[in-house]
């Protein structure tokens, strides 16, 4: 009978970015650490150690704010290459426990463990084995939530941190959720929380006691999804699809905020080239070509514009992307105005490029071969080991975030 019950694990790596940095610099262990840049920079916190979190430091907070809250913190630049490598090792461990693994970010995943009892034992024993193997093969700790749905498993892993296991046995889902704050439900942010509180709903139990028609009337379809979540169900788009289904990225983007605003056209074009390189690299990793290219431009006064252009032939080449976004920039820039941020985005993917004329096709093939060789060098020696000439002066760090374009296990190209 136990084999028929759905069993879902949510595995969340503990303070992943910080933990990876500690592997390379053990002196950071046990200290307040902030990953994402230096204390004087304009960027945001990518991750904070548990010691830094005690002072109110959290991800997405401005670095300068983190420095004020925790002046004794050690600030560390992010190293996305390291995190991707470690994430691949994590993915390898997870797939040794179940063939159905869904990486939802660089440091967390769902596993469908249904039917694995004979191989790994009951859920708590399997989680204990997973803890041990993860530590042995990656030197990293994780927290594991176990339930009959992804929602229950995710809430459990959050309550189990750090390095713990929490299991809600089948049939106890609503009892477990009832006393929790509505913000503990994945997908409920500040705006939704305020709306729910205005309706007299503060806990998940409050929400579960409301009629579906009441929630539908005040919150629409999202209200009905919340009603399902209050019962412990995988309701709403947040949990669409089955665990292990490959969902190709809809867009790939990179952006850069200058530490000092600039109107230097050479520096601006170098930045656009570097951003184009980063986007193109991810396109080739995903084995897709983009038809729509978009520029994001933010001025010193925070005025922000986005401009997009669809190219005739979908591309994944650095130079072609740069050519298009540079045109967009010069068509929209107010000459002399200082720029605070630049971004490049690619979307409208296809698995292959359209057929070009013979001469153009031969030139593109040569670029494709050259850039593929560059990718191999970067894989071995790091992202900054090779750059195109125009981007040499655009030497900035890749922004560290939890959802890079190429997550382990998500390299399936989109269907035609």
Protein backbone atom coordinates (compact mmCIF):
# COMPACT_ATOMS: atom_id res chain seq x y z
CA UNK A 1 0.00 0.00 0.00
CA UNK A 2 2.86 2.35 0.90
CA UNK A 3 4.26 2.00 -2.62
CA UNK A 4 1.05 3.54 -4.04
CA UNK A 5 1.44 6.80 -2.09
CA UNK A 6 3.08 9.62 -3.98
CA UNK A 7 6.33 10.69 -2.33
CA UNK A 8 8.01 13.97 -3.26
CA UNK A 9 11.33 15.30 -1.97
CA UNK A 10 12.29 18.96 -2.13
CA UNK A 11 16.05 19.27 -1.78
CA UNK A 12 17.36 22.74 -0.98
CA UNK A 13 21.09 23.31 -0.68
CA UNK A 14 21.97 25.22 2.49
CA UNK A 15 23.34 28.75 1.84
CA UNK A 16 24.57 27.39 -1.49
CA UNK A 17 26.63 30.30 -2.84
CA UNK A 18 28.24 30.91 0.55
CA UNK A 19 28.91 27.20 1.08
CA UNK A 20 30.63 26.94 -2.30
CA UNK A 21 32.81 29.96 -1.46
CA UNK A 22 33.76 28.26 1.81
CA UNK A 23 35.01 25.24 -0.13
CA UNK A 24 37.51 27.50 -1.90
CA UNK A 25 38.30 29.59 1.20
CA UNK A 26 37.75 27.65 4.44
CA UNK A 27 38.64 30.76 6.48
CA UNK A 28 35.12 32.06 5.68
CA UNK A 29 33.45 29.30 7.71
CA UNK A 30 31.48 30.50 10.71
CA UNK A 31 31.75 34.17 9.73
CA UNK A 32 29.21 36.67 8.40
CA UNK A 33 29.67 36.44 4.63
CA UNK A 34 27.90 38.31 1.85
CA UNK A 35 28.18 37.04 -1.74
CA UNK A 36 27.52 39.23 -4.77
CA UNK A 37 30.06 42.03 -4.75
CA UNK A 38 31.90 44.50 -2.57
CA UNK A 39 30.37 46.66 0.14
CA UNK A 40 30.77 49.90 -1.83
CA UNK A 41 29.24 48.62 -5.08
CA UNK A 42 25.75 49.25 -6.46
CA UNK A 43 24.83 45.62 -6.87
CA UNK A 44 22.61 43.44 -4.71
CA UNK A 45 23.25 40.58 -2.32
CA UNK A 46 23.14 37.19 -4.02
CA UNK A 47 23.43 35.22 -0.78
CA UNK A 48 24.30 35.68 2.87
CA UNK A 49 25.63 33.23 5.44
CA UNK A 50 23.44 32.36 8.39
CA UNK A 51 25.75 34.50 10.56
CA UNK A 52 25.06 37.54 8.34
CA UNK A 53 21.32 36.85 8.22
CA UNK A 54 21.14 37.38 11.99
CA UNK A 55 21.79 41.07 11.26
CA UNK A 56 18.93 41.29 8.76
CA UNK A 57 20.98 40.76 5.62
CA UNK A 58 19.14 38.86 2.88
CA UNK A 59 19.30 38.20 -0.84
CA UNK A 60 18.26 40.99 -3.27
CA UNK A 61 19.20 43.62 -0.67
CA UNK A 62 21.53 46.41 -1.93
CA UNK A 63 25.13 45.65 -1.02
CA UNK A 64 25.52 49.05 0.60
CA UNK A 65 22.51 48.38 2.83
CA UNK A 66 24.01 45.03 3.85
CA UNK A 67 27.25 46.82 4.75
CA UNK A 68 25.36 49.21 7.05
CA UNK A 69 23.44 46.40 8.74
CA UNK A 70 26.48 44.17 9.18
CA UNK A 71 29.68 46.26 8.94
CA UNK A 72 31.82 43.34 10.09
CA UNK A 73 30.66 41.14 7.18
CA UNK A 74 33.12 39.79 4.65
CA UNK A 75 32.01 40.70 1.12
CA UNK A 76 32.86 38.23 -1.64
CA UNK A 77 32.48 38.55 -5.41
CA UNK A 78 30.26 35.88 -6.92
CA UNK A 79 31.78 33.09 -9.03
CA UNK A 80 28.98 31.75 -11.31
CA UNK A 81 31.30 29.17 -12.92
CA UNK A 82 31.92 27.58 -9.53
CA UNK A 83 28.23 27.49 -8.73
CA UNK A 84 27.33 25.90 -12.04
CA UNK A 85 29.98 23.21 -11.56
CA UNK A 86 28.74 22.44 -8.05
CA UNK A 87 25.14 22.42 -9.24
CA UNK A 88 26.07 19.77 -11.82
CA UNK A 89 27.51 17.62 -9.02
CA UNK A 90 24.35 18.11 -6.98
CA UNK A 91 22.24 17.09 -9.98
CA UNK A 92 24.36 13.96 -10.43
CA UNK A 93 23.68 12.91 -6.83
CA UNK A 94 19.96 13.57 -7.17
CA UNK A 95 19.59 11.53 -10.37
CA UNK A 96 21.25 8.59 -8.61
CA UNK A 97 18.22 8.52 -6.29
CA UNK A 98 15.42 9.07 -8.80
CA UNK A 99 15.15 9.40 -12.60
CA UNK A 100 12.49 12.08 -12.11
CA UNK A 101 14.36 15.22 -11.03
CA UNK A 102 13.30 18.82 -11.62
CA UNK A 103 15.92 21.51 -11.00
CA UNK A 104 13.88 24.61 -10.21
CA UNK A 105 16.92 26.77 -9.50
CA UNK A 106 20.67 26.33 -9.30
CA UNK A 107 20.41 25.11 -5.69
CA UNK A 108 17.05 23.37 -5.31
CA UNK A 109 15.19 20.51 -6.91
CA UNK A 110 12.15 18.24 -6.65
CA UNK A 111 12.47 14.46 -6.79
CA UNK A 112 9.60 12.07 -7.35
CA UNK A 113 10.56 9.25 -5.00
CA UNK A 114 7.36 7.27 -5.51
CA UNK A 115 8.05 3.59 -5.96
CA UNK A 116 11.67 3.77 -4.74
CA UNK A 117 11.06 2.16 -1.33
CA UNK A 118 12.65 -1.17 -2.29
CA UNK A 119 15.75 0.58 -3.55
CA UNK A 120 16.21 3.30 -0.93
CA UNK A 121 13.89 2.31 1.92
CA UNK A 122 11.08 4.39 3.48
CA UNK A 123 11.15 8.19 3.00
CA UNK A 124 13.09 9.17 6.14
CA UNK A 125 15.74 6.51 5.55
CA UNK A 126 16.05 7.56 1.90
CA UNK A 127 16.48 11.19 2.99
CA UNK A 128 19.18 10.18 5.46
CA UNK A 129 21.02 8.33 2.67
CA UNK A 130 20.68 11.34 0.39
CA UNK A 131 22.12 13.64 3.08
CA UNK A 132 25.13 11.38 3.46
CA UNK A 133 25.79 10.98 -0.26
CA UNK A 134 25.37 14.70 -0.95
CA UNK A 135 27.94 15.55 1.71
CA UNK A 136 30.35 12.84 0.55
CA UNK A 137 30.23 13.73 -3.14
CA UNK A 138 29.82 17.53 -3.05
CA UNK A 139 31.04 18.50 0.45
CA UNK A 140 27.82 20.52 0.75
CA UNK A 141 24.84 20.27 3.09
CA UNK A 142 21.20 20.26 2.11
CA UNK A 143 17.76 20.36 3.71
CA UNK A 144 15.06 17.93 2.60
CA UNK A 145 11.30 18.30 2.76
CA UNK A 146 9.08 15.26 2.18
CA UNK A 147 5.39 15.16 1.34
CA UNK A 148 2.74 13.90 -1.04
CA UNK A 149 3.00 17.07 -3.16
CA UNK A 150 5.64 19.54 -4.27
CA UNK A 151 3.97 22.24 -2.19
CA UNK A 152 4.19 20.25 1.05
CA UNK A 153 7.76 19.18 0.29
CA UNK A 154 8.90 22.76 -0.38
CA UNK A 155 7.30 24.15 2.77
CA UNK A 156 8.90 21.31 4.76
CA UNK A 157 12.42 21.95 3.46
CA UNK A 158 12.13 25.60 4.45
CA UNK A 159 11.16 24.59 7.99
CA UNK A 160 13.97 21.99 8.12
CA UNK A 161 16.84 24.43 7.47
CA UNK A 162 19.68 24.14 7.95
CA UNK A 163 20.69 20.55 7.19
CA UNK A 164 17.50 18.97 8.42
CA UNK A 165 14.68 16.71 7.25
CA UNK A 166 10.96 17.26 7.75
CA UNK A 167 8.34 14.72 6.68
CA UNK A 168 4.60 15.26 6.67
CA UNK A 169 3.05 11.81 6.61
CA UNK A 170 0.17 11.24 4.18
CA UNK A 171 -3.15 12.46 5.54
CA UNK A 172 -1.66 15.14 7.81
CA UNK A 173 -1.19 17.88 5.19
CA UNK A 174 -3.96 20.28 6.26
CA UNK A 175 -3.11 19.83 9.94
CA UNK A 176 0.53 20.71 9.22
CA UNK A 177 -0.32 23.76 7.12
CA UNK A 178 -3.13 25.22 9.25
CA UNK A 179 -1.06 27.21 11.81
CA UNK A 180 1.45 28.52 9.26
CA UNK A 181 1.50 32.12 8.07
CA UNK A 182 0.13 32.62 4.55
CA UNK A 183 3.59 33.86 3.47
CA UNK A 184 4.84 30.30 3.98
CA UNK A 185 2.86 29.27 0.90
CA UNK A 186 5.08 29.39 -2.23
CA UNK A 187 4.02 32.20 -4.52
CA UNK A 188 2.42 34.38 -1.83
CA UNK A 189 4.28 37.70 -1.78
CA UNK A 190 3.76 40.95 0.11
CA UNK A 191 0.97 42.21 -2.14
CA UNK A 192 -1.04 38.98 -1.90
CA UNK A 193 -0.38 38.80 1.84
CA UNK A 194 -1.81 42.29 2.32
CA UNK A 195 -4.85 41.41 0.24
CA UNK A 196 -5.45 38.25 2.26
CA UNK A 197 -5.04 40.08 5.55
CA UNK A 198 -7.62 42.62 4.43
CA UNK A 199 -9.98 39.66 4.03
CA UNK A 200 -9.21 38.43 7.54
CA UNK A 201 -6.88 35.67 6.33
CA UNK A 202 -3.57 35.46 8.20
CA UNK A 203 -2.88 31.74 8.45
CA UNK A 204 -3.23 28.89 6.00
CA UNK A 205 -5.97 27.52 8.24
CA UNK A 206 -7.91 30.78 7.84
CA UNK A 207 -7.65 30.35 4.09
CA UNK A 208 -8.71 26.71 4.18
CA UNK A 209 -11.89 27.64 6.07
CA UNK A 210 -13.00 30.06 3.34
CA UNK A 211 -15.32 28.83 0.63
CA UNK A 212 -13.79 28.51 -2.83
CA UNK A 213 -16.43 30.90 -4.14
CA UNK A 214 -15.30 33.56 -1.63
CA UNK A 215 -11.66 33.29 -2.71
CA UNK A 216 -12.65 33.25 -6.37
CA UNK A 217 -14.74 36.39 -5.92
CA UNK A 218 -11.96 38.36 -4.24
CA UNK A 219 -8.84 36.90 -5.88
CA UNK A 220 -10.01 35.30 -9.12
CA UNK A 221 -8.22 32.22 -10.42
CA UNK A 222 -5.34 32.85 -8.03
CA UNK A 223 -7.85 32.54 -5.18
CA UNK A 224 -8.89 29.08 -6.36
CA UNK A 225 -5.23 28.09 -6.62
CA UNK A 226 -4.68 29.30 -3.05
CA UNK A 227 -7.63 27.21 -1.89
CA UNK A 228 -5.95 24.14 -3.36
CA UNK A 229 -2.61 25.06 -1.80
CA UNK A 230 -4.28 25.41 1.61
CA UNK A 231 -5.24 21.74 1.25
CA UNK A 232 -1.65 20.81 0.38
CA UNK A 233 -2.24 20.39 -3.34
CA UNK A 234 0.04 21.35 -6.24
CA UNK A 235 -2.44 23.96 -7.44
CA UNK A 236 -1.76 26.78 -9.89
CA UNK A 237 0.90 27.48 -12.48
CA UNK A 238 3.60 27.52 -9.79
CA UNK A 239 3.49 23.70 -9.85
CA UNK A 240 2.40 23.10 -13.45
CA UNK A 241 3.53 19.92 -15.16
CA UNK A 242 5.05 16.74 -13.81
CA UNK A 243 8.37 16.41 -12.01
CA UNK A 244 11.06 15.82 -14.58
CA UNK A 245 9.22 17.42 -17.49
CA UNK A 246 11.64 19.63 -19.41
CA UNK A 247 10.47 23.21 -19.78
CA UNK A 248 12.72 25.23 -22.06
CA UNK A 249 13.62 28.78 -21.08
CA UNK A 250 11.41 31.47 -22.64
CA UNK A 251 14.19 34.09 -22.65
CA UNK A 252 17.84 34.56 -21.75
CA UNK A 253 19.18 37.84 -20.46
CA UNK A 254 22.13 39.48 -18.75
CA UNK A 255 22.48 43.00 -17.42
CA UNK A 256 25.12 45.18 -15.79
CA UNK A 257 24.88 48.15 -13.42
CA UNK A 258 27.84 50.52 -13.50
CA UNK A 259 29.46 51.48 -10.23
CA UNK A 260 29.70 54.99 -11.68
CA UNK A 261 27.26 56.28 -14.32
CA UNK A 262 28.89 56.77 -17.71
CA UNK A 263 28.37 58.47 -21.06
CA UNK A 264 31.62 57.07 -22.47
CA UNK A 265 30.50 55.48 -25.73
CA UNK A 266 33.54 53.19 -25.91
CA UNK A 267 32.79 51.79 -22.46
CA UNK A 268 29.09 51.47 -23.26
CA UNK A 269 29.75 49.54 -26.49
CA UNK A 270 32.26 47.32 -24.70
CA UNK A 271 29.58 46.52 -22.12
CA UNK A 272 27.04 45.71 -24.84
CA UNK A 273 29.57 43.41 -26.47
CA UNK A 274 30.27 41.60 -23.20
CA UNK A 275 26.55 41.21 -22.49
CA UNK A 276 26.02 39.91 -26.03
CA UNK A 277 28.78 37.34 -25.49
CA UNK A 278 27.17 36.15 -22.27
CA UNK A 279 23.72 35.83 -23.84
CA UNK A 280 25.07 34.07 -26.93
CA UNK A 281 27.02 31.60 -24.81
CA UNK A 282 23.84 30.58 -23.00
CA UNK A 283 21.96 30.29 -26.29
CA UNK A 284 24.56 27.83 -27.54
CA UNK A 285 24.40 25.90 -24.26
CA UNK A 286 20.64 25.60 -24.69
CA UNK A 287 21.07 24.73 -28.39
CA UNK A 288 18.62 27.43 -29.45
CA UNK A 289 18.59 30.43 -31.78
CA UNK A 290 16.83 33.69 -30.91
CA UNK A 291 14.72 35.78 -33.26
CA UNK A 292 13.92 38.67 -30.89
CA UNK A 293 16.71 40.75 -29.34
CA UNK A 294 16.02 43.39 -26.70
CA UNK A 295 17.99 46.27 -25.17
CA UNK A 296 17.41 47.54 -21.64
CA UNK A 297 18.70 51.05 -20.97
CA UNK A 298 18.52 52.83 -17.61
CA UNK A 299 19.70 56.40 -17.23
CA UNK A 300 21.25 58.11 -14.21
CA UNK A 301 17.82 59.41 -13.13
CA UNK A 302 16.47 55.80 -13.19
CA UNK A 303 14.40 56.42 -16.33
CA UNK A 304 14.32 53.00 -18.01
CA UNK A 305 13.44 52.01 -21.56
CA UNK A 306 13.34 48.67 -23.35
CA UNK A 307 13.48 48.31 -27.11
CA UNK A 308 13.25 45.07 -29.07
CA UNK A 309 13.87 44.04 -32.67
CA UNK A 310 13.12 40.78 -34.47
CA UNK A 311 15.85 39.69 -36.86
CA UNK A 312 15.22 37.98 -40.19
CA UNK A 313 17.41 34.99 -39.31
CA UNK A 314 17.42 33.64 -35.71
CA UNK A 315 20.89 33.75 -34.21
CA UNK A 316 23.10 32.52 -31.41
CA UNK A 317 26.25 34.40 -32.51
CA UNK A 318 27.91 37.05 -30.32
CA UNK A 319 28.70 39.46 -33.15
CA UNK A 320 25.19 39.36 -34.64
CA UNK A 321 23.54 39.99 -31.29
CA UNK A 322 25.94 42.86 -30.59
CA UNK A 323 25.28 44.42 -34.00
CA UNK A 324 21.53 44.50 -33.35
CA UNK A 325 21.59 45.76 -29.74
CA UNK A 326 24.17 48.42 -30.63
CA UNK A 327 21.78 49.72 -33.30
CA UNK A 328 18.96 49.75 -30.76
CA UNK A 329 21.16 51.66 -28.32
CA UNK A 330 22.21 54.39 -30.74
CA UNK A 331 18.63 54.77 -31.97
CA UNK A 332 17.37 55.41 -28.45
CA UNK A 333 20.22 56.94 -26.45
CA UNK A 334 20.13 60.62 -25.59
CA UNK A 335 23.73 61.58 -26.57
CA UNK A 336 25.69 62.77 -23.56
CA UNK A 337 23.22 61.31 -21.05
CA UNK A 338 24.83 59.16 -18.40
CA UNK A 339 23.88 55.47 -18.32
CA UNK A 340 23.37 53.55 -15.09
CA UNK A 341 22.43 50.08 -16.41
CA UNK A 342 22.49 48.12 -19.65
CA UNK A 343 20.84 44.80 -20.41
CA UNK A 344 20.60 42.41 -23.36
CA UNK A 345 17.83 39.83 -23.75
CA UNK A 346 17.16 37.14 -26.36
CA UNK A 347 13.78 35.42 -26.86
CA UNK A 348 11.47 33.79 -29.45
CA UNK A 349 13.58 30.65 -29.66
CA UNK A 350 13.83 28.01 -32.35
CA UNK A 351 15.99 24.90 -32.44
CA UNK A 352 17.72 25.87 -35.68
CA UNK A 353 18.59 28.99 -37.61
CA UNK A 354 16.79 29.75 -40.85
CA UNK A 355 18.54 28.98 -44.11
CA UNK A 356 20.67 31.86 -45.37
CA UNK A 357 22.20 32.48 -48.77
CA UNK A 358 25.34 30.43 -49.49
CA UNK A 359 27.90 33.20 -48.89
CA UNK A 360 26.26 34.35 -45.68
CA UNK A 361 25.82 30.76 -44.55
CA UNK A 362 29.51 29.99 -45.00
CA UNK A 363 30.49 33.05 -42.97
CA UNK A 364 28.09 32.13 -40.20
CA UNK A 365 29.41 28.57 -40.14
CA UNK A 366 32.94 29.89 -39.60
CA UNK A 367 31.75 32.14 -36.78
CA UNK A 368 29.82 29.22 -35.29
CA UNK A 369 32.89 27.00 -35.33
CA UNK A 370 35.12 29.71 -33.88
CA UNK A 371 32.71 30.59 -31.09
CA UNK A 372 32.10 26.93 -30.25
CA UNK A 373 35.86 26.59 -29.81
CA UNK A 374 35.82 29.67 -27.58
CA UNK A 375 33.06 28.06 -25.49
CA UNK A 376 35.22 25.00 -24.93
CA UNK A 377 38.10 27.19 -23.76
CA UNK A 378 35.77 29.06 -21.39
CA UNK A 379 34.44 25.79 -19.99
CA UNK A 380 37.98 24.77 -19.12
CA UNK A 381 39.49 28.09 -18.01
CA UNK A 382 36.49 30.27 -17.04
CA UNK A 383 34.16 32.79 -18.66
CA UNK A 384 36.71 35.62 -18.73
CA UNK A 385 39.50 33.59 -20.37
CA UNK A 386 38.52 34.61 -23.92
CA UNK A 387 36.71 37.74 -25.13
CA UNK A 388 36.05 39.38 -28.46
CA UNK A 389 38.03 42.56 -29.06
CA UNK A 390 35.13 44.99 -28.75
CA UNK A 391 34.23 43.61 -25.33
CA UNK A 392 37.71 43.75 -23.83
CA UNK A 393 36.93 46.97 -21.93
CA UNK A 394 33.62 45.57 -20.74
CA UNK A 395 35.27 43.30 -18.24
CA UNK A 396 32.70 42.97 -15.45
CA UNK A 397 31.63 39.99 -13.40
CA UNK A 398 28.68 37.88 -14.44
CA UNK A 399 25.79 38.61 -12.09
CA UNK A 400 25.23 35.80 -9.62
CA UNK A 401 21.64 34.60 -9.43
CA UNK A 402 19.67 31.44 -8.70
CA UNK A 403 18.24 30.93 -12.18
CA UNK A 404 21.00 30.95 -14.78
CA UNK A 405 20.00 30.12 -18.32
CA UNK A 406 21.46 26.63 -18.29
CA UNK A 407 20.34 24.61 -15.28
CA UNK A 408 21.45 20.96 -14.99
CA UNK A 409 19.00 18.67 -16.70
CA UNK A 410 17.33 21.48 -18.66
CA UNK A 411 19.20 21.48 -21.95
CA UNK A 412 16.33 20.23 -24.11
CA UNK A 413 15.80 22.54 -27.11
CA UNK A 414 12.27 23.78 -27.78
CA UNK A 415 10.13 21.92 -30.30
CA UNK A 416 9.86 23.37 -33.79
